[in-house]
Amino acid sequence: MEANVDTRCGGFGGSKTPDDAQVAILTGLKSQVETSLGKECATFEAVAVVSQVVAGMNHKFKVK
């Protein structure tokens, strides 16, 4: 049975395991995240990602 997912044009897609390119994006942001948090992250691993295509690409990551 498939889940009934309400998708909208321009909305975020479903949660997926990040691919190598998405992991690279997140890894490149680690120092900015640590600066924003005011501390170093002992672990910084992408667990899941949702993406949105607009005039470019937006990503939301779940990080462990």
C-alpha atoms as a PDB file:
ATOM      1  CA  MET A   1       0.000   0.000   0.000  1.00  0.00           C
ATOM      2  CA  GLU A   2       1.403   3.402  -0.971  1.00  0.00           C
ATOM      3  CA  ALA A   3       1.245   6.349   1.381  1.00  0.00           C
ATOM      4  CA  ASN A   4      -0.924   9.226   0.218  1.00  0.00           C
ATOM      5  CA  VAL A   5       1.556  12.106   0.097  1.00  0.00           C
ATOM      6  CA  ASP A   6       0.295  15.632  -0.483  1.00  0.00           C
ATOM      7  CA  THR A   7       2.840  17.126  -2.894  1.00  0.00           C
ATOM      8  CA  ARG A   8       2.693  20.646  -4.189  1.00  0.00           C
ATOM      9  CA  CYS A   9       4.474  22.305  -7.044  1.00  0.00           C
ATOM     10  CA  GLY A  10       7.577  23.958  -5.569  1.00  0.00           C
ATOM     11  CA  GLY A  11       7.192  22.086  -2.267  1.00  0.00           C
ATOM     12  CA  PHE A  12       9.706  19.835  -0.548  1.00  0.00           C
ATOM     13  CA  GLY A  13       9.828  16.205  -1.632  1.00  0.00           C
ATOM     14  CA  GLY A  14       9.913  13.198   0.664  1.00  0.00           C
ATOM     15  CA  SER A  15      12.773  12.387   3.022  1.00  0.00           C
ATOM     16  CA  LYS A  16      15.616  10.378   1.466  1.00  0.00           C
ATOM     17  CA  THR A  17      19.066   9.091   2.321  1.00  0.00           C
ATOM     18  CA  PRO A  18      21.529  11.773   1.184  1.00  0.00           C
ATOM     19  CA  ASP A  19      23.690  11.030  -1.860  1.00  0.00           C
ATOM     20  CA  ASP A  20      27.411  11.860  -2.100  1.00  0.00           C
ATOM     21  CA  ALA A  21      26.792  15.336  -3.558  1.00  0.00           C
ATOM     22  CA  GLN A  22      24.380  16.250  -0.753  1.00  0.00           C
ATOM     23  CA  VAL A  23      26.798  14.940   1.904  1.00  0.00           C
ATOM     24  CA  ALA A  24      29.497  17.161   0.355  1.00  0.00           C
ATOM     25  CA  ILE A  25      27.196  20.199   0.601  1.00  0.00           C
ATOM     26  CA  LEU A  26      26.547  19.542   4.282  1.00  0.00           C
ATOM     27  CA  THR A  27      30.203  18.824   5.056  1.00  0.00           C
ATOM     28  CA  GLY A  28      31.123  22.176   3.494  1.00  0.00           C
ATOM     29  CA  LEU A  29      28.772  23.919   5.933  1.00  0.00           C
ATOM     30  CA  LYS A  30      30.079  22.229   9.110  1.00  0.00           C
ATOM     31  CA  SER A  31      32.276  25.126  10.259  1.00  0.00           C
ATOM     32  CA  GLN A  32      29.435  27.634   9.741  1.00  0.00           C
ATOM     33  CA  VAL A  33      27.059  25.434  11.759  1.00  0.00           C
ATOM     34  CA  GLU A  34      29.611  25.098  14.574  1.00  0.00           C
ATOM     35  CA  THR A  35      30.151  28.867  14.604  1.00  0.00           C
ATOM     36  CA  SER A  36      26.395  29.436  14.750  1.00  0.00           C
ATOM     37  CA  LEU A  37      26.033  26.926  17.618  1.00  0.00           C
ATOM     38  CA  GLY A  38      29.086  28.284  19.411  1.00  0.00           C
ATOM     39  CA  LYS A  39      30.593  24.805  19.857  1.00  0.00           C
ATOM     40  CA  GLU A  40      32.246  21.996  17.927  1.00  0.00           C
ATOM     41  CA  CYS A  41      30.148  19.028  16.824  1.00  0.00           C
ATOM     42  CA  ALA A  42      31.585  15.662  17.873  1.00  0.00           C
ATOM     43  CA  THR A  43      29.547  13.974  15.136  1.00  0.00           C
ATOM     44  CA  PHE A  44      28.210  15.647  12.010  1.00  0.00           C
ATOM     45  CA  GLU A  45      26.599  13.015   9.808  1.00  0.00           C
ATOM     46  CA  ALA A  46      23.745  13.531   7.347  1.00  0.00           C
ATOM     47  CA  VAL A  47      20.976  11.077   8.235  1.00  0.00           C
ATOM     48  CA  ALA A  48      18.226  12.267   5.881  1.00  0.00           C
ATOM     49  CA  VAL A  49      17.522  15.057   3.424  1.00  0.00           C
ATOM     50  CA  VAL A  50      14.515  16.639   1.737  1.00  0.00           C
ATOM     51  CA  SER A  51      14.972  18.773  -1.373  1.00  0.00           C
ATOM     52  CA  GLN A  52      13.022  21.539  -3.052  1.00  0.00           C
ATOM     53  CA  VAL A  53      13.510  22.742  -6.611  1.00  0.00           C
ATOM     54  CA  VAL A  54      12.900  26.466  -6.986  1.00  0.00           C
ATOM     55  CA  ALA A  55      15.176  28.918  -8.802  1.00  0.00           C
ATOM     56  CA  GLY A  56      17.962  26.589  -7.684  1.00  0.00           C
ATOM     57  CA  MET A  57      17.858  23.790  -5.112  1.00  0.00           C
ATOM     58  CA  ASN A  58      17.086  23.966  -1.388  1.00  0.00           C
ATOM     59  CA  HIS A  59      17.993  21.171   1.019  1.00  0.00           C
ATOM     60  CA  LYS A  60      16.944  20.457   4.604  1.00  0.00           C
ATOM     61  CA  PHE A  61      19.159  17.973   6.406  1.00  0.00           C
ATOM     62  CA  LYS A  62      18.605  15.823   9.467  1.00  0.00           C
ATOM     63  CA  VAL A  63      22.028  15.626  11.113  1.00  0.00           C
ATOM     64  CA  LYS A  64      23.319  13.200  13.731  1.00  0.00           C
END
